[in-house]
Amino acid sequence: MRALIQRVASASVMVDGGTVGEIGPGLLVLVCAMRGDGEAQSEWLAGKIARLRIFRDKDGRMNRSVLDTGGAALVVSQFTLAAETKGNRPGFSTAAAPEDGKRLYEHFSAQLRGLGISVENGVFGAEMQVALVNDGPVTIWLDSEAR
């Protein structure tokens, strides 16, 4: 699985003009299941994100995790993280099939919740508008294949 995470002061996601998820301080997590991924990749990624120390401590150093801060996560599915950009038109054949992607997206969100993180979600497969206020900015790319 792949994820692009951003440390945020706030973030929200809208579908059809209505807000479906919204958080204050925490992480915006754009996530994509890749072909061949399973629950092991989902669980690794959730654990890595939950424990990644990218929030400031009292000395201003990035030394605290979202778990340490009590922050939330806004999780949004984004199959375009699987983009193959060899040509000028991206291809997405390495993304998981929609039914597998949805199952792993839901499993990933459940894993974060199980670790004690408050999770809001976008709508899998929907056209969404995502708004965020970056904090830092801090943006990190994670890929379970590189673990």
N, C-alpha and C. Protein backbone atom coordinates (compact mmCIF):
# COMPACT_ATOMS: atom_id res chain seq x y z
N MET A 1 0.85 -1.18 0.00
CA MET A 1 0.00 0.00 0.00
C MET A 1 0.89 1.23 0.00
N ARG A 2 0.35 2.28 -0.55
CA ARG A 2 1.05 3.56 -0.59
C ARG A 2 0.23 4.59 0.15
N ALA A 3 0.94 5.53 0.75
CA ALA A 3 0.26 6.63 1.43
C ALA A 3 1.08 7.89 1.30
N LEU A 4 0.40 8.98 1.14
CA LEU A 4 1.00 10.31 1.22
C LEU A 4 0.36 10.94 2.44
N ILE A 5 1.17 11.25 3.44
CA ILE A 5 0.62 11.83 4.67
C ILE A 5 1.08 13.27 4.80
N GLN A 6 0.19 14.09 5.30
CA GLN A 6 0.49 15.49 5.55
C GLN A 6 0.07 15.84 6.96
N ARG A 7 0.99 16.50 7.68
CA ARG A 7 0.65 16.99 9.01
C ARG A 7 -0.20 18.24 8.79
N VAL A 8 -1.37 18.27 9.44
CA VAL A 8 -2.31 19.36 9.19
C VAL A 8 -2.77 20.02 10.48
N ALA A 9 -3.11 21.29 10.36
CA ALA A 9 -3.81 21.99 11.44
C ALA A 9 -5.29 21.64 11.39
N SER A 10 -5.78 21.39 10.15
CA SER A 10 -7.16 20.96 9.95
C SER A 10 -7.28 20.42 8.52
N ALA A 11 -8.30 19.60 8.30
CA ALA A 11 -8.57 19.06 6.97
C ALA A 11 -10.02 18.61 6.90
N SER A 12 -10.56 18.65 5.68
CA SER A 12 -11.94 18.19 5.48
C SER A 12 -12.07 17.63 4.08
N VAL A 13 -13.11 16.82 3.89
CA VAL A 13 -13.39 16.25 2.58
C VAL A 13 -14.89 16.38 2.32
N MET A 14 -15.20 16.81 1.09
CA MET A 14 -16.59 16.99 0.68
C MET A 14 -16.91 16.06 -0.48
N VAL A 15 -18.16 15.58 -0.52
CA VAL A 15 -18.70 14.80 -1.62
C VAL A 15 -20.07 15.39 -1.95
N ASP A 16 -20.29 15.70 -3.21
CA ASP A 16 -21.56 16.27 -3.66
C ASP A 16 -21.97 17.49 -2.85
N GLY A 17 -21.01 18.33 -2.51
CA GLY A 17 -21.30 19.58 -1.81
C GLY A 17 -21.46 19.47 -0.31
N GLY A 18 -21.38 18.27 0.24
CA GLY A 18 -21.53 18.09 1.69
C GLY A 18 -20.27 17.54 2.32
N THR A 19 -19.96 18.02 3.50
CA THR A 19 -18.79 17.54 4.22
C THR A 19 -19.06 16.14 4.76
N VAL A 20 -18.16 15.20 4.44
CA VAL A 20 -18.32 13.82 4.91
C VAL A 20 -17.27 13.45 5.95
N GLY A 21 -16.23 14.26 6.08
CA GLY A 21 -15.18 14.02 7.07
C GLY A 21 -14.44 15.29 7.36
N GLU A 22 -14.07 15.48 8.62
CA GLU A 22 -13.39 16.72 9.02
C GLU A 22 -12.60 16.46 10.29
N ILE A 23 -11.37 16.98 10.34
CA ILE A 23 -10.54 16.86 11.54
C ILE A 23 -9.89 18.19 11.88
N GLY A 24 -9.45 18.30 13.12
CA GLY A 24 -8.59 19.39 13.54
C GLY A 24 -7.15 18.94 13.37
N PRO A 25 -6.28 19.24 14.33
CA PRO A 25 -4.87 18.86 14.19
C PRO A 25 -4.69 17.35 14.05
N GLY A 26 -3.81 16.98 13.14
CA GLY A 26 -3.55 15.56 12.93
C GLY A 26 -2.92 15.30 11.59
N LEU A 27 -3.40 14.25 10.92
CA LEU A 27 -2.84 13.81 9.65
C LEU A 27 -3.92 13.67 8.58
N LEU A 28 -3.62 14.19 7.40
CA LEU A 28 -4.39 13.85 6.21
C LEU A 28 -3.64 12.68 5.57
N VAL A 29 -4.33 11.57 5.37
CA VAL A 29 -3.71 10.36 4.82
C VAL A 29 -4.39 10.03 3.51
N LEU A 30 -3.67 10.22 2.40
CA LEU A 30 -4.14 9.79 1.09
C LEU A 30 -3.57 8.40 0.89
N VAL A 31 -4.43 7.42 0.63
CA VAL A 31 -3.98 6.02 0.64
C VAL A 31 -4.45 5.27 -0.61
N CYS A 32 -3.59 4.36 -1.07
CA CYS A 32 -3.88 3.57 -2.27
C CYS A 32 -3.42 2.13 -2.06
N ALA A 33 -4.30 1.20 -2.29
CA ALA A 33 -3.93 -0.22 -2.27
C ALA A 33 -3.39 -0.58 -3.65
N MET A 34 -2.30 -1.33 -3.65
CA MET A 34 -1.67 -1.75 -4.89
C MET A 34 -2.06 -3.20 -5.19
N ARG A 35 -1.98 -3.56 -6.47
CA ARG A 35 -2.26 -4.93 -6.87
C ARG A 35 -1.33 -5.86 -6.08
N GLY A 36 -1.88 -6.90 -5.48
CA GLY A 36 -1.09 -7.84 -4.70
C GLY A 36 -1.02 -7.53 -3.22
N ASP A 37 -1.50 -6.35 -2.80
CA ASP A 37 -1.50 -6.00 -1.38
C ASP A 37 -2.54 -6.82 -0.64
N GLY A 38 -2.29 -7.00 0.65
CA GLY A 38 -3.23 -7.70 1.52
C GLY A 38 -3.27 -7.03 2.87
N GLU A 39 -3.87 -7.71 3.82
CA GLU A 39 -4.03 -7.13 5.15
C GLU A 39 -2.69 -6.86 5.83
N ALA A 40 -1.67 -7.64 5.55
CA ALA A 40 -0.35 -7.42 6.16
C ALA A 40 0.19 -6.05 5.78
N GLN A 41 0.06 -5.66 4.52
CA GLN A 41 0.54 -4.35 4.09
C GLN A 41 -0.28 -3.24 4.73
N SER A 42 -1.58 -3.45 4.82
CA SER A 42 -2.47 -2.47 5.45
C SER A 42 -2.11 -2.27 6.92
N GLU A 43 -1.87 -3.36 7.61
CA GLU A 43 -1.55 -3.29 9.04
C GLU A 43 -0.19 -2.65 9.27
N TRP A 44 0.79 -2.98 8.43
CA TRP A 44 2.11 -2.35 8.56
C TRP A 44 2.00 -0.84 8.37
N LEU A 45 1.28 -0.44 7.31
CA LEU A 45 1.16 0.98 7.00
C LEU A 45 0.45 1.74 8.12
N ALA A 46 -0.62 1.18 8.65
CA ALA A 46 -1.34 1.83 9.75
C ALA A 46 -0.43 2.00 10.96
N GLY A 47 0.31 0.96 11.30
CA GLY A 47 1.21 1.04 12.44
C GLY A 47 2.32 2.05 12.24
N LYS A 48 2.88 2.09 11.04
CA LYS A 48 3.94 3.04 10.72
C LYS A 48 3.43 4.47 10.84
N ILE A 49 2.26 4.74 10.28
CA ILE A 49 1.70 6.10 10.32
C ILE A 49 1.37 6.49 11.75
N ALA A 50 0.80 5.59 12.51
CA ALA A 50 0.42 5.90 13.89
C ALA A 50 1.63 6.25 14.75
N ARG A 51 2.76 5.64 14.47
CA ARG A 51 3.95 5.81 15.32
C ARG A 51 5.00 6.77 14.74
N LEU A 52 4.78 7.25 13.53
CA LEU A 52 5.75 8.13 12.88
C LEU A 52 5.85 9.45 13.64
N ARG A 53 7.04 9.79 14.08
CA ARG A 53 7.24 10.97 14.94
C ARG A 53 7.48 12.20 14.08
N ILE A 54 6.39 12.85 13.70
CA ILE A 54 6.49 14.04 12.84
C ILE A 54 5.81 15.26 13.45
N PHE A 55 5.44 15.16 14.73
CA PHE A 55 4.86 16.31 15.43
C PHE A 55 5.91 16.86 16.40
N ARG A 56 5.86 18.16 16.61
CA ARG A 56 6.86 18.83 17.44
C ARG A 56 6.69 18.49 18.92
N ASP A 57 7.83 18.34 19.59
CA ASP A 57 7.83 18.22 21.05
C ASP A 57 8.00 19.61 21.65
N LYS A 58 8.15 19.69 22.97
CA LYS A 58 8.25 20.99 23.64
C LYS A 58 9.49 21.77 23.21
N ASP A 59 10.48 21.08 22.65
CA ASP A 59 11.71 21.74 22.18
C ASP A 59 11.65 22.08 20.70
N GLY A 60 10.52 21.82 20.07
CA GLY A 60 10.36 22.14 18.65
C GLY A 60 10.89 21.08 17.70
N ARG A 61 11.33 19.95 18.23
CA ARG A 61 11.84 18.87 17.38
C ARG A 61 10.70 17.92 16.99
N MET A 62 10.80 17.35 15.79
CA MET A 62 9.81 16.36 15.37
C MET A 62 10.11 15.07 16.13
N ASN A 63 9.38 14.87 17.22
CA ASN A 63 9.68 13.76 18.11
C ASN A 63 8.43 13.12 18.70
N ARG A 64 7.24 13.51 18.19
CA ARG A 64 5.99 12.97 18.72
C ARG A 64 5.15 12.43 17.57
N SER A 65 4.40 11.38 17.86
CA SER A 65 3.53 10.76 16.86
C SER A 65 2.11 11.30 17.01
N VAL A 66 1.26 10.95 16.07
CA VAL A 66 -0.15 11.32 16.17
C VAL A 66 -0.78 10.67 17.40
N LEU A 67 -0.29 9.50 17.77
CA LEU A 67 -0.75 8.86 19.01
C LEU A 67 -0.37 9.68 20.23
N ASP A 68 0.87 10.18 20.23
CA ASP A 68 1.36 10.98 21.36
C ASP A 68 0.58 12.28 21.53
N THR A 69 0.17 12.87 20.41
CA THR A 69 -0.49 14.18 20.45
C THR A 69 -2.00 14.08 20.62
N GLY A 70 -2.56 12.89 20.42
CA GLY A 70 -4.02 12.76 20.45
C GLY A 70 -4.67 13.32 19.21
N GLY A 71 -3.89 13.49 18.14
CA GLY A 71 -4.42 14.01 16.89
C GLY A 71 -5.30 12.99 16.18
N ALA A 72 -5.99 13.45 15.15
CA ALA A 72 -6.90 12.62 14.37
C ALA A 72 -6.31 12.34 13.00
N ALA A 73 -6.96 11.47 12.25
CA ALA A 73 -6.56 11.18 10.87
C ALA A 73 -7.78 11.29 9.97
N LEU A 74 -7.61 11.99 8.87
CA LEU A 74 -8.60 12.02 7.80
C LEU A 74 -8.05 11.14 6.70
N VAL A 75 -8.70 10.00 6.46
CA VAL A 75 -8.21 9.01 5.50
C VAL A 75 -9.05 9.11 4.23
N VAL A 76 -8.35 9.32 3.10
CA VAL A 76 -9.01 9.51 1.81
C VAL A 76 -8.39 8.55 0.81
N SER A 77 -9.22 7.77 0.14
CA SER A 77 -8.72 6.85 -0.88
C SER A 77 -8.27 7.65 -2.10
N GLN A 78 -7.14 7.25 -2.68
CA GLN A 78 -6.64 7.96 -3.86
C GLN A 78 -5.84 6.99 -4.73
N PHE A 79 -6.54 6.35 -5.67
CA PHE A 79 -5.89 5.36 -6.52
C PHE A 79 -4.82 5.98 -7.40
N THR A 80 -4.83 7.30 -7.59
CA THR A 80 -3.83 7.93 -8.45
C THR A 80 -2.43 7.88 -7.86
N LEU A 81 -2.30 7.46 -6.59
CA LEU A 81 -0.96 7.26 -6.03
C LEU A 81 -0.26 6.08 -6.71
N ALA A 82 -1.00 5.30 -7.47
CA ALA A 82 -0.43 4.17 -8.22
C ALA A 82 0.01 4.58 -9.62
N ALA A 83 0.00 5.86 -9.91
CA ALA A 83 0.27 6.34 -11.27
C ALA A 83 1.61 5.86 -11.81
N GLU A 84 1.56 5.38 -13.04
CA GLU A 84 2.76 5.08 -13.81
C GLU A 84 2.91 6.22 -14.80
N THR A 85 4.02 6.92 -14.76
CA THR A 85 4.16 8.17 -15.51
C THR A 85 5.21 8.10 -16.61
N LYS A 86 5.41 6.92 -17.17
CA LYS A 86 6.41 6.78 -18.23
C LYS A 86 6.08 7.68 -19.42
N GLY A 87 4.85 7.70 -19.83
CA GLY A 87 4.42 8.57 -20.92
C GLY A 87 3.81 9.85 -20.37
N ASN A 88 3.03 10.52 -21.20
CA ASN A 88 2.39 11.76 -20.77
C ASN A 88 1.01 11.56 -20.19
N ARG A 89 0.46 10.37 -20.35
CA ARG A 89 -0.85 10.06 -19.77
C ARG A 89 -0.64 8.98 -18.72
N PRO A 90 -0.91 9.30 -17.45
CA PRO A 90 -0.65 8.32 -16.39
C PRO A 90 -1.50 7.05 -16.57
N GLY A 91 -0.92 5.93 -16.19
CA GLY A 91 -1.63 4.66 -16.15
C GLY A 91 -1.76 4.21 -14.71
N PHE A 92 -2.78 3.44 -14.42
CA PHE A 92 -3.06 3.04 -13.04
C PHE A 92 -3.23 1.53 -12.91
N SER A 93 -2.62 0.77 -13.80
CA SER A 93 -2.81 -0.68 -13.80
C SER A 93 -2.21 -1.36 -12.58
N THR A 94 -1.34 -0.69 -11.84
CA THR A 94 -0.74 -1.31 -10.65
C THR A 94 -1.60 -1.10 -9.40
N ALA A 95 -2.66 -0.31 -9.51
CA ALA A 95 -3.58 -0.14 -8.38
C ALA A 95 -4.39 -1.42 -8.20
N ALA A 96 -4.78 -1.69 -6.98
CA ALA A 96 -5.64 -2.85 -6.70
C ALA A 96 -6.98 -2.68 -7.41
N ALA A 97 -7.62 -3.79 -7.72
CA ALA A 97 -8.97 -3.76 -8.27
C ALA A 97 -9.87 -3.05 -7.26
N PRO A 98 -10.91 -2.35 -7.73
CA PRO A 98 -11.75 -1.56 -6.82
C PRO A 98 -12.27 -2.33 -5.60
N GLU A 99 -12.72 -3.57 -5.79
CA GLU A 99 -13.26 -4.31 -4.64
C GLU A 99 -12.16 -4.61 -3.61
N ASP A 100 -10.95 -4.92 -4.09
CA ASP A 100 -9.83 -5.16 -3.17
C ASP A 100 -9.39 -3.85 -2.52
N GLY A 101 -9.34 -2.80 -3.33
CA GLY A 101 -8.95 -1.49 -2.80
C GLY A 101 -9.87 -1.02 -1.70
N LYS A 102 -11.18 -1.18 -1.91
CA LYS A 102 -12.14 -0.76 -0.89
C LYS A 102 -11.98 -1.57 0.39
N ARG A 103 -11.83 -2.88 0.26
CA ARG A 103 -11.66 -3.74 1.43
C ARG A 103 -10.41 -3.34 2.22
N LEU A 104 -9.30 -3.08 1.53
CA LEU A 104 -8.06 -2.72 2.22
C LEU A 104 -8.12 -1.31 2.78
N TYR A 105 -8.80 -0.41 2.10
CA TYR A 105 -9.00 0.95 2.61
C TYR A 105 -9.78 0.90 3.92
N GLU A 106 -10.83 0.11 3.95
CA GLU A 106 -11.63 -0.02 5.18
C GLU A 106 -10.83 -0.72 6.28
N HIS A 107 -10.05 -1.72 5.92
CA HIS A 107 -9.21 -2.43 6.89
C HIS A 107 -8.16 -1.48 7.47
N PHE A 108 -7.55 -0.68 6.62
CA PHE A 108 -6.55 0.30 7.05
C PHE A 108 -7.16 1.28 8.05
N SER A 109 -8.31 1.83 7.73
CA SER A 109 -8.99 2.77 8.63
C SER A 109 -9.32 2.11 9.96
N ALA A 110 -9.78 0.86 9.92
CA ALA A 110 -10.10 0.13 11.14
C ALA A 110 -8.84 -0.11 11.98
N GLN A 111 -7.73 -0.38 11.32
CA GLN A 111 -6.47 -0.57 12.04
C GLN A 111 -6.06 0.70 12.77
N LEU A 112 -6.17 1.85 12.11
CA LEU A 112 -5.85 3.12 12.78
C LEU A 112 -6.75 3.32 14.00
N ARG A 113 -8.04 3.06 13.83
CA ARG A 113 -8.97 3.19 14.96
C ARG A 113 -8.57 2.25 16.10
N GLY A 114 -8.21 1.03 15.75
CA GLY A 114 -7.81 0.05 16.74
C GLY A 114 -6.56 0.45 17.51
N LEU A 115 -5.74 1.29 16.90
CA LEU A 115 -4.54 1.79 17.56
C LEU A 115 -4.83 3.00 18.44
N GLY A 116 -6.08 3.46 18.42
CA GLY A 116 -6.48 4.57 19.28
C GLY A 116 -6.56 5.92 18.61
N ILE A 117 -6.54 5.95 17.29
CA ILE A 117 -6.61 7.21 16.56
C ILE A 117 -8.05 7.47 16.13
N SER A 118 -8.51 8.69 16.34
CA SER A 118 -9.82 9.10 15.84
C SER A 118 -9.72 9.26 14.33
N VAL A 119 -10.56 8.55 13.58
CA VAL A 119 -10.47 8.52 12.12
C VAL A 119 -11.75 9.03 11.49
N GLU A 120 -11.59 9.92 10.53
CA GLU A 120 -12.67 10.34 9.64
C GLU A 120 -12.30 9.84 8.26
N ASN A 121 -13.29 9.63 7.41
CA ASN A 121 -13.03 9.07 6.08
C ASN A 121 -13.70 9.86 4.98
N GLY A 122 -13.09 9.77 3.79
CA GLY A 122 -13.75 10.18 2.57
C GLY A 122 -14.65 9.03 2.13
N VAL A 123 -15.16 9.10 0.90
CA VAL A 123 -16.02 8.06 0.35
C VAL A 123 -15.24 7.34 -0.74
N PHE A 124 -15.00 6.05 -0.55
CA PHE A 124 -14.20 5.28 -1.50
C PHE A 124 -14.80 5.38 -2.90
N GLY A 125 -13.96 5.71 -3.88
CA GLY A 125 -14.38 5.75 -5.28
C GLY A 125 -15.13 6.99 -5.71
N ALA A 126 -15.41 7.89 -4.78
CA ALA A 126 -16.17 9.10 -5.11
C ALA A 126 -15.25 10.21 -5.59
N GLU A 127 -15.83 11.15 -6.34
CA GLU A 127 -15.13 12.40 -6.64
C GLU A 127 -15.22 13.24 -5.38
N MET A 128 -14.08 13.67 -4.87
CA MET A 128 -14.05 14.39 -3.60
C MET A 128 -13.29 15.70 -3.74
N GLN A 129 -13.63 16.64 -2.88
CA GLN A 129 -12.89 17.87 -2.75
C GLN A 129 -12.27 17.86 -1.35
N VAL A 130 -10.94 17.93 -1.32
CA VAL A 130 -10.21 17.86 -0.06
C VAL A 130 -9.61 19.23 0.24
N ALA A 131 -9.87 19.72 1.44
CA ALA A 131 -9.29 20.99 1.89
C ALA A 131 -8.41 20.72 3.09
N LEU A 132 -7.29 21.42 3.16
CA LEU A 132 -6.40 21.23 4.29
C LEU A 132 -5.61 22.48 4.57
N VAL A 133 -5.20 22.60 5.82
CA VAL A 133 -4.26 23.63 6.23
C VAL A 133 -3.02 22.87 6.68
N ASN A 134 -1.97 22.92 5.84
CA ASN A 134 -0.72 22.23 6.17
C ASN A 134 -0.12 22.82 7.42
N ASP A 135 0.52 21.97 8.20
CA ASP A 135 1.24 22.40 9.40
C ASP A 135 2.70 22.05 9.18
N GLY A 136 3.51 23.03 8.91
CA GLY A 136 4.93 22.82 8.68
C GLY A 136 5.43 23.56 7.45
N PRO A 137 5.18 23.07 6.28
CA PRO A 137 4.49 21.84 5.92
C PRO A 137 5.36 20.60 6.16
N VAL A 138 4.69 19.51 6.48
CA VAL A 138 5.33 18.20 6.59
C VAL A 138 4.53 17.24 5.72
N THR A 139 5.18 16.70 4.69
CA THR A 139 4.55 15.77 3.77
C THR A 139 5.49 14.59 3.57
N ILE A 140 4.98 13.38 3.79
CA ILE A 140 5.83 12.19 3.73
C ILE A 140 5.15 11.10 2.91
N TRP A 141 5.95 10.46 2.05
CA TRP A 141 5.51 9.36 1.20
C TRP A 141 5.91 8.04 1.85
N LEU A 142 4.97 7.13 1.96
CA LEU A 142 5.24 5.80 2.52
C LEU A 142 4.76 4.73 1.54
N ASP A 143 5.53 3.67 1.43
CA ASP A 143 5.16 2.55 0.55
C ASP A 143 5.50 1.26 1.29
N SER A 144 4.51 0.42 1.50
CA SER A 144 4.76 -0.83 2.23
C SER A 144 5.76 -1.72 1.51
N GLU A 145 5.89 -1.55 0.21
CA GLU A 145 6.85 -2.35 -0.55
C GLU A 145 8.29 -2.03 -0.15
N ALA A 146 8.53 -0.82 0.35
CA ALA A 146 9.88 -0.38 0.70
C ALA A 146 10.23 -0.66 2.16
N ARG A 147 9.36 -1.35 2.89
CA ARG A 147 9.62 -1.55 4.32
C ARG A 147 10.79 -2.44 4.60
